[in-house]
Protein backbone atom coordinates (compact mmCIF):
# COMPACT_ATOMS: atom_id res chain seq x y z
CA UNK A 1 16.83 -86.35 -68.61
CA UNK A 2 14.53 -83.57 -67.36
CA UNK A 3 11.06 -82.75 -68.70
CA UNK A 4 12.05 -79.88 -70.98
CA UNK A 5 14.93 -81.90 -72.52
CA UNK A 6 12.60 -84.81 -73.22
CA UNK A 7 10.02 -82.53 -74.86
CA UNK A 8 12.69 -80.86 -77.04
CA UNK A 9 14.34 -84.12 -78.10
CA UNK A 10 11.07 -85.89 -78.83
CA UNK A 11 9.75 -82.78 -80.65
CA UNK A 12 6.50 -83.10 -78.66
CA UNK A 13 4.23 -80.42 -77.30
CA UNK A 14 3.24 -80.57 -73.65
CA UNK A 15 -0.39 -81.22 -74.70
CA UNK A 16 0.69 -84.27 -76.70
CA UNK A 17 2.71 -85.56 -73.74
CA UNK A 18 -0.32 -85.27 -71.48
CA UNK A 19 -2.54 -86.97 -74.05
CA UNK A 20 -0.14 -89.91 -74.35
CA UNK A 21 -0.09 -90.23 -70.56
CA UNK A 22 -3.89 -90.11 -70.51
CA UNK A 23 -4.10 -92.82 -73.19
CA UNK A 24 -1.80 -94.99 -71.08
CA UNK A 25 -4.04 -94.44 -68.03
CA UNK A 26 -7.13 -95.37 -70.07
CA UNK A 27 -5.49 -98.64 -71.11
CA UNK A 28 -4.57 -99.43 -67.49
CA UNK A 29 -8.11 -98.73 -66.27
CA UNK A 30 -9.63 -100.86 -69.05
CA UNK A 31 -7.31 -103.72 -68.06
CA UNK A 32 -8.28 -103.27 -64.41
CA UNK A 33 -12.02 -103.39 -65.09
CA UNK A 34 -11.45 -106.30 -67.45
CA UNK A 35 -9.85 -108.25 -64.60
CA UNK A 36 -12.74 -107.45 -62.23
CA UNK A 37 -15.84 -107.64 -64.44
CA UNK A 38 -16.90 -110.85 -66.22
CA UNK A 39 -17.29 -110.57 -70.02
CA UNK A 40 -15.96 -107.03 -70.00
CA UNK A 41 -13.96 -107.24 -73.23
CA UNK A 42 -16.90 -107.31 -75.63
CA UNK A 43 -18.14 -104.98 -78.33
CA UNK A 44 -21.26 -104.31 -76.27
CA UNK A 45 -19.21 -102.88 -73.40
CA UNK A 46 -17.39 -100.35 -75.54
CA UNK A 47 -20.50 -99.58 -77.56
CA UNK A 48 -22.26 -98.57 -74.33
CA UNK A 49 -19.29 -96.48 -73.30
CA UNK A 50 -19.29 -94.76 -76.69
CA UNK A 51 -23.00 -93.92 -76.56
CA UNK A 52 -22.75 -92.57 -73.00
CA UNK A 53 -19.61 -90.59 -73.78
CA UNK A 54 -20.92 -89.04 -77.03
CA UNK A 55 -22.98 -86.39 -75.21
CA UNK A 56 -20.12 -85.52 -72.85
CA UNK A 57 -17.75 -85.23 -75.82
CA UNK A 58 -19.96 -82.82 -77.77
CA UNK A 59 -20.51 -80.55 -74.77
CA UNK A 60 -16.83 -80.83 -73.74
CA UNK A 61 -15.73 -79.51 -77.14
CA UNK A 62 -17.66 -76.30 -76.47
CA UNK A 63 -16.34 -76.16 -72.92
CA UNK A 64 -12.79 -76.47 -74.28
CA UNK A 65 -13.21 -73.28 -76.29
CA UNK A 66 -14.40 -71.45 -73.19
CA UNK A 67 -11.66 -72.79 -70.90
CA UNK A 68 -8.99 -71.88 -73.46
CA UNK A 69 -9.97 -68.23 -72.85
CA UNK A 70 -9.45 -68.68 -69.08
CA UNK A 71 -13.21 -68.93 -68.40
CA UNK A 72 -15.67 -71.71 -67.56
CA UNK A 73 -19.33 -72.49 -68.26
CA UNK A 74 -21.04 -74.29 -65.39
CA UNK A 75 -24.51 -73.90 -66.91
CA UNK A 76 -24.11 -76.59 -69.58
CA UNK A 77 -25.93 -79.28 -67.56
CA UNK A 78 -28.98 -77.07 -67.11
CA UNK A 79 -28.80 -76.05 -70.77
CA UNK A 80 -28.79 -79.67 -71.92
CA UNK A 81 -31.69 -80.55 -69.61
CA UNK A 82 -33.80 -77.55 -70.61
CA UNK A 83 -33.31 -78.12 -74.33
CA UNK A 84 -33.95 -81.86 -74.07
CA UNK A 85 -37.28 -81.12 -72.41
CA UNK A 86 -38.34 -78.30 -74.78
CA UNK A 87 -37.48 -80.26 -77.93
CA UNK A 88 -39.04 -83.39 -76.45
CA UNK A 89 -42.26 -81.50 -75.73
CA UNK A 90 -42.38 -80.17 -79.28
CA UNK A 91 -41.80 -83.62 -80.75
CA UNK A 92 -44.46 -85.11 -78.47
CA UNK A 93 -46.99 -82.49 -79.60
CA UNK A 94 -45.95 -82.42 -83.27
CA UNK A 95 -44.95 -85.85 -84.57
CA UNK A 96 -44.58 -84.44 -88.07
CA UNK A 97 -41.76 -82.11 -86.98
CA UNK A 98 -38.79 -83.01 -89.16
CA UNK A 99 -35.50 -84.21 -87.64
CA UNK A 100 -33.63 -81.29 -89.19
CA UNK A 101 -35.98 -78.74 -87.62
CA UNK A 102 -35.72 -80.51 -84.25
CA UNK A 103 -31.92 -80.33 -84.36
CA UNK A 104 -31.99 -76.68 -85.47
CA UNK A 105 -34.42 -75.86 -82.66
CA UNK A 106 -32.09 -77.45 -80.11
CA UNK A 107 -28.99 -75.71 -81.46
CA UNK A 108 -30.85 -72.39 -81.78
CA UNK A 109 -32.03 -72.38 -78.16
CA UNK A 110 -28.58 -73.41 -76.98
CA UNK A 111 -27.02 -70.62 -79.02
CA UNK A 112 -29.28 -68.02 -77.39
CA UNK A 113 -28.47 -69.32 -73.90
CA UNK A 114 -24.76 -69.32 -74.70
CA UNK A 115 -25.01 -65.78 -76.07
CA UNK A 116 -26.54 -64.63 -72.78
CA UNK A 117 -23.58 -66.10 -70.88
CA UNK A 118 -21.17 -64.51 -73.33
CA UNK A 119 -22.76 -61.07 -73.10
CA UNK A 120 -22.59 -61.04 -69.31
CA UNK A 121 -19.00 -62.33 -69.15
CA UNK A 122 -17.42 -60.57 -72.13
CA UNK A 123 -19.24 -57.25 -72.12
CA UNK A 124 -20.64 -57.12 -68.58
CA UNK A 125 -17.21 -58.12 -67.20
CA UNK A 126 -18.77 -60.43 -64.61
CA UNK A 127 -16.52 -63.40 -63.72
CA UNK A 128 -17.52 -66.50 -65.67
CA UNK A 129 -17.84 -68.73 -62.63
CA UNK A 130 -20.29 -66.28 -61.02
CA UNK A 131 -22.22 -65.75 -64.24
CA UNK A 132 -22.64 -69.40 -65.12
CA UNK A 133 -23.46 -70.44 -61.56
CA UNK A 134 -26.30 -67.94 -61.79
CA UNK A 135 -27.47 -69.08 -65.23
CA UNK A 136 -27.17 -72.71 -64.11
CA UNK A 137 -29.89 -71.96 -61.55
CA UNK A 138 -31.88 -69.75 -63.96
CA UNK A 139 -31.95 -72.30 -66.78
CA UNK A 140 -32.91 -75.08 -64.35
CA UNK A 141 -35.64 -72.81 -62.99
CA UNK A 142 -36.91 -72.21 -66.52
CA UNK A 143 -37.05 -75.98 -66.99
CA UNK A 144 -39.15 -76.37 -63.84
CA UNK A 145 -41.47 -73.60 -64.97
CA UNK A 146 -41.81 -74.94 -68.52
CA UNK A 147 -42.32 -78.54 -67.37
CA UNK A 148 -45.00 -77.58 -64.85
CA UNK A 149 -44.66 -80.90 -62.98
CA UNK A 150 -44.89 -82.98 -66.18
CA UNK A 151 -42.41 -85.30 -67.88
CA UNK A 152 -41.54 -86.35 -71.42
CA UNK A 153 -42.18 -90.05 -71.97
CA UNK A 154 -40.54 -92.23 -74.60
CA UNK A 155 -43.84 -93.63 -75.86
CA UNK A 156 -45.02 -90.12 -76.79
CA UNK A 157 -42.01 -89.39 -79.00
CA UNK A 158 -41.79 -90.10 -82.76
CA UNK A 159 -40.30 -93.45 -83.70
CA UNK A 160 -37.33 -91.95 -85.54
CA UNK A 161 -35.85 -90.31 -82.45
CA UNK A 162 -36.37 -93.42 -80.34
CA UNK A 163 -34.50 -95.49 -82.93
CA UNK A 164 -31.73 -92.91 -83.48
CA UNK A 165 -29.32 -94.19 -80.77
CA UNK A 166 -29.42 -97.66 -82.40
CA UNK A 167 -28.69 -96.46 -85.94
CA UNK A 168 -25.37 -98.02 -87.00
CA UNK A 169 -22.92 -96.05 -89.11
CA UNK A 170 -20.04 -98.55 -89.07
CA UNK A 171 -19.45 -102.06 -87.75
CA UNK A 172 -15.99 -103.30 -86.76
CA UNK A 173 -16.18 -106.94 -85.67
CA UNK A 174 -18.78 -107.01 -82.90
CA UNK A 175 -18.33 -103.28 -82.22
CA UNK A 176 -20.99 -100.98 -83.69
CA UNK A 177 -20.29 -97.28 -84.25
CA UNK A 178 -23.69 -95.64 -83.77
CA UNK A 179 -24.97 -92.38 -85.19
CA UNK A 180 -24.53 -90.51 -81.90
CA UNK A 181 -20.92 -91.67 -81.56
CA UNK A 182 -20.19 -90.75 -85.18
CA UNK A 183 -21.69 -87.29 -84.57
CA UNK A 184 -19.38 -86.74 -81.59
CA UNK A 185 -16.34 -87.81 -83.62
CA UNK A 186 -17.26 -85.42 -86.46
CA UNK A 187 -17.64 -82.54 -83.99
CA UNK A 188 -14.20 -83.30 -82.51
CA UNK A 189 -12.54 -83.40 -85.94
CA UNK A 190 -14.18 -80.15 -87.10
CA UNK A 191 -13.21 -78.16 -84.02
CA UNK A 192 -9.73 -79.63 -83.76
CA UNK A 193 -9.04 -78.55 -87.34
CA UNK A 194 -10.59 -75.15 -86.61
CA UNK A 195 -8.25 -74.61 -83.64
CA UNK A 196 -5.29 -75.49 -85.86
CA UNK A 197 -6.08 -73.56 -89.02
CA UNK A 198 -8.56 -70.75 -88.28
CA UNK A 199 -6.81 -67.53 -87.12
CA UNK A 200 -9.80 -66.45 -84.99
CA UNK A 201 -9.82 -69.84 -83.24
CA UNK A 202 -6.05 -69.70 -82.68
CA UNK A 203 -6.51 -66.36 -80.95
CA UNK A 204 -8.42 -68.10 -78.18
CA UNK A 205 -5.05 -69.49 -77.05
CA UNK A 206 -3.56 -65.99 -77.01
CA UNK A 207 -6.44 -64.66 -74.91
CA UNK A 208 -6.08 -67.45 -72.35
CA UNK A 209 -2.27 -67.33 -72.23
CA UNK A 210 -2.05 -63.60 -71.54
CA UNK A 211 -5.29 -61.57 -71.68
CA UNK A 212 -3.51 -58.23 -71.13
CA UNK A 213 -1.03 -58.77 -73.97
CA UNK A 214 -3.79 -60.06 -76.24
CA UNK A 215 -5.78 -56.90 -75.60
CA UNK A 216 -2.84 -54.56 -76.29
CA UNK A 217 -2.03 -56.56 -79.45
CA UNK A 218 -5.36 -55.63 -80.95
CA UNK A 219 -7.04 -59.02 -80.58
CA UNK A 220 -10.84 -58.53 -80.21
CA UNK A 221 -10.86 -60.21 -76.84
CA UNK A 222 -14.47 -59.52 -75.83
CA UNK A 223 -15.85 -60.59 -79.18
CA UNK A 224 -13.90 -63.87 -79.14
CA UNK A 225 -14.90 -64.69 -75.55
CA UNK A 226 -18.51 -64.01 -76.54
CA UNK A 227 -17.99 -66.28 -79.56
CA UNK A 228 -16.59 -69.08 -77.36
CA UNK A 229 -19.58 -68.98 -75.00
CA UNK A 230 -21.98 -68.87 -77.97
CA UNK A 231 -20.44 -71.96 -79.57
CA UNK A 232 -20.44 -73.69 -76.18
CA UNK A 233 -24.17 -73.00 -75.88
CA UNK A 234 -24.83 -74.23 -79.42
CA UNK A 235 -22.98 -77.50 -78.77
CA UNK A 236 -24.82 -77.88 -75.45
CA UNK A 237 -28.00 -77.51 -77.50
CA UNK A 238 -26.89 -80.32 -79.79
CA UNK A 239 -26.04 -82.29 -76.64
CA UNK A 240 -29.59 -81.67 -75.40
CA UNK A 241 -31.01 -83.20 -78.59
CA UNK A 242 -28.67 -86.20 -78.24
CA UNK A 243 -29.67 -86.55 -74.58
CA UNK A 244 -33.35 -86.67 -75.58
CA UNK A 245 -32.62 -89.32 -78.21
CA UNK A 246 -30.57 -91.44 -75.80
CA UNK A 247 -32.66 -91.17 -72.63
CA UNK A 248 -36.18 -90.66 -74.00
CA UNK A 249 -37.87 -90.05 -70.66
CA UNK A 250 -37.01 -86.49 -69.61
CA UNK A 251 -37.81 -84.98 -66.21
CA UNK A 252 -36.91 -81.71 -64.51
CA UNK A 253 -33.66 -83.19 -63.20
CA UNK A 254 -32.47 -84.14 -66.70
CA UNK A 255 -28.68 -83.81 -67.15
CA UNK A 256 -28.24 -82.62 -63.57
CA UNK A 257 -24.55 -82.97 -62.71
CA UNK A 258 -23.51 -83.22 -66.37
CA UNK A 259 -21.41 -80.07 -65.91
CA UNK A 260 -19.17 -82.00 -63.49
CA UNK A 261 -18.59 -84.76 -66.05
CA UNK A 262 -17.85 -82.21 -68.78
CA UNK A 263 -15.41 -80.24 -66.63
CA UNK A 264 -13.75 -83.51 -65.61
CA UNK A 265 -13.37 -84.53 -69.26
CA UNK A 266 -11.88 -81.17 -70.24
CA UNK A 267 -9.47 -80.90 -67.32
CA UNK A 268 -8.40 -84.54 -67.47
CA UNK A 269 -7.83 -84.04 -71.20
CA UNK A 270 -5.09 -81.52 -70.49
CA UNK A 271 -7.02 -78.29 -71.12
CA UNK A 272 -5.53 -75.99 -68.50
CA UNK A 273 -7.90 -74.09 -66.22
CA UNK A 274 -5.39 -71.23 -66.46
CA UNK A 275 -6.23 -70.93 -70.15
CA UNK A 276 -4.16 -70.98 -73.31
CA UNK A 277 -3.30 -74.69 -73.31
CA UNK A 278 -5.15 -77.76 -74.49
CA UNK A 279 -6.69 -79.50 -77.47
CA UNK A 280 -10.08 -80.90 -78.42
CA UNK A 281 -8.47 -84.33 -78.86
CA UNK A 282 -7.46 -84.21 -75.20
CA UNK A 283 -11.04 -83.41 -74.18
CA UNK A 284 -12.15 -86.46 -76.18
CA UNK A 285 -9.70 -88.68 -74.30
CA UNK A 286 -10.80 -87.15 -71.01
CA UNK A 287 -14.44 -87.91 -71.83
CA UNK A 288 -13.54 -91.48 -72.74
CA UNK A 289 -11.76 -91.87 -69.40
CA UNK A 290 -14.78 -90.49 -67.53
CA UNK A 291 -17.12 -92.78 -69.47
CA UNK A 292 -15.03 -95.88 -68.86
CA UNK A 293 -14.79 -95.16 -65.13
CA UNK A 294 -18.53 -94.49 -64.84
CA UNK A 295 -19.54 -97.58 -66.76
CA UNK A 296 -17.07 -99.74 -64.87
CA UNK A 297 -18.26 -98.48 -61.46
CA UNK A 298 -21.89 -99.08 -62.43
CA UNK A 299 -21.13 -102.66 -63.46
CA UNK A 300 -19.21 -103.16 -60.22
CA UNK A 301 -22.34 -101.87 -58.43
CA UNK A 302 -20.80 -98.77 -56.85
CA UNK A 303 -23.38 -96.20 -55.80
CA UNK A 304 -23.75 -92.68 -57.21
CA UNK A 305 -21.83 -91.12 -54.31
CA UNK A 306 -18.63 -92.96 -55.17
CA UNK A 307 -18.98 -92.15 -58.86
CA UNK A 308 -19.21 -88.41 -58.18
CA UNK A 309 -16.50 -88.56 -55.52
CA UNK A 310 -14.08 -90.23 -57.94
CA UNK A 311 -14.90 -87.67 -60.64
CA UNK A 312 -14.24 -84.83 -58.19
CA UNK A 313 -10.99 -86.43 -57.07
CA UNK A 314 -9.92 -86.87 -60.70
CA UNK A 315 -10.51 -83.15 -61.35
CA UNK A 316 -8.43 -82.19 -58.30
CA UNK A 317 -5.59 -84.51 -59.32
CA UNK A 318 -5.64 -83.20 -62.89
CA UNK A 319 -5.55 -79.54 -61.79
CA UNK A 320 -2.77 -80.13 -59.26
CA UNK A 321 -0.70 -82.20 -61.70
CA UNK A 322 -1.16 -79.56 -64.42
CA UNK A 323 0.05 -76.84 -62.07
CA UNK A 324 2.99 -78.96 -60.92
CA UNK A 325 3.94 -79.86 -64.50
CA UNK A 326 3.82 -76.22 -65.59
CA UNK A 327 5.94 -75.13 -62.63
CA UNK A 328 8.46 -77.92 -63.20
CA UNK A 329 8.69 -77.14 -66.90
CA UNK A 330 9.12 -73.40 -66.27
CA UNK A 331 11.93 -74.01 -63.75
CA UNK A 332 13.61 -76.53 -66.05
CA UNK A 333 13.48 -74.20 -69.04
CA UNK A 334 14.85 -71.31 -66.98
CA UNK A 335 17.70 -73.49 -65.75
CA UNK A 336 18.60 -74.67 -69.25
CA UNK A 337 18.58 -71.12 -70.60
CA UNK A 338 20.88 -69.97 -67.80
CA UNK A 339 23.41 -72.81 -68.22
CA UNK A 340 25.19 -71.58 -71.39
CA UNK A 341 25.64 -68.12 -69.86
CA UNK A 342 27.26 -69.47 -66.70
CA UNK A 343 29.50 -71.81 -68.74
CA UNK A 344 30.79 -69.01 -70.95
CA UNK A 345 31.43 -66.86 -67.88
CA UNK A 346 33.51 -69.60 -66.32
CA UNK A 347 35.57 -70.03 -69.51
CA UNK A 348 36.20 -66.31 -69.83
CA UNK A 349 37.58 -66.12 -66.32
CA UNK A 350 37.47 -63.01 -64.12
CA UNK A 351 36.90 -59.67 -65.79
CA UNK A 352 38.92 -56.56 -65.10
């Protein structure tokens, strides 16, 4: 049975097939680490993975919207770092600043930074990879300028934000679902439902699948691309707040390299770099895979080089496999569509 026949008979979408394969890989990797690391199968292990993954998940949801439009945002790491420092500085100076205002400040700054990316890409028609490489450096430079060789220290922050990562929302056996993990899950659910039911969100798929056809069909392509980058910036802002809560001590290199983890999560989750294909649920699974690998390598005492090398290799494998799967599926579908025609021709015999 070929790929297209399996997908038709099982009534599955290609995204669902990739997500099932990814879930199987996650289980295999968990079993591998469990066989190599003492006391691996505990609630504490998966609680740590969940807390570490929560930031990647939130930012990856925004990245998914951008990648669906056949674009990319490489500035998210710098955005998270800049916002974590700015909000941390404000909380250090103003202990009476309410949690709601702190979150709104983070999301507001992130929204503005995302809007800048969106304006340049959508209306300035500058390629996204060029634009966001530039803003990656600009936002990191702004962080250096704002920090002025200082750091944010945990002891200078209000007690509520220090305690936030330990706030429990749900306990299942010895596994605690913390506030940050619950926040990431809520974000995933909201945006997955939005991509299913909101017409404007569904149009992101049309833009990524065929930008020229989408434009001639009257879809407001520029406005929706701008919207995707804006939401990505807003979620990176929320990720910056979560990063501050989780890490506490913020320096000028905060969240450096986070963009690689986010891109890895999105691509591994089956969101095609060619646009038009993928789901937020897949990005969640991709982030979980990245988190499990990172945490396992740390506990096995691998150095940072190997962690980043494995992430880079995973991205390459995911992109190549996605391209190969699409090519194989396209050939298989073309073959199946041609078969009935050739069969009828043979039955009819030669024509006069």
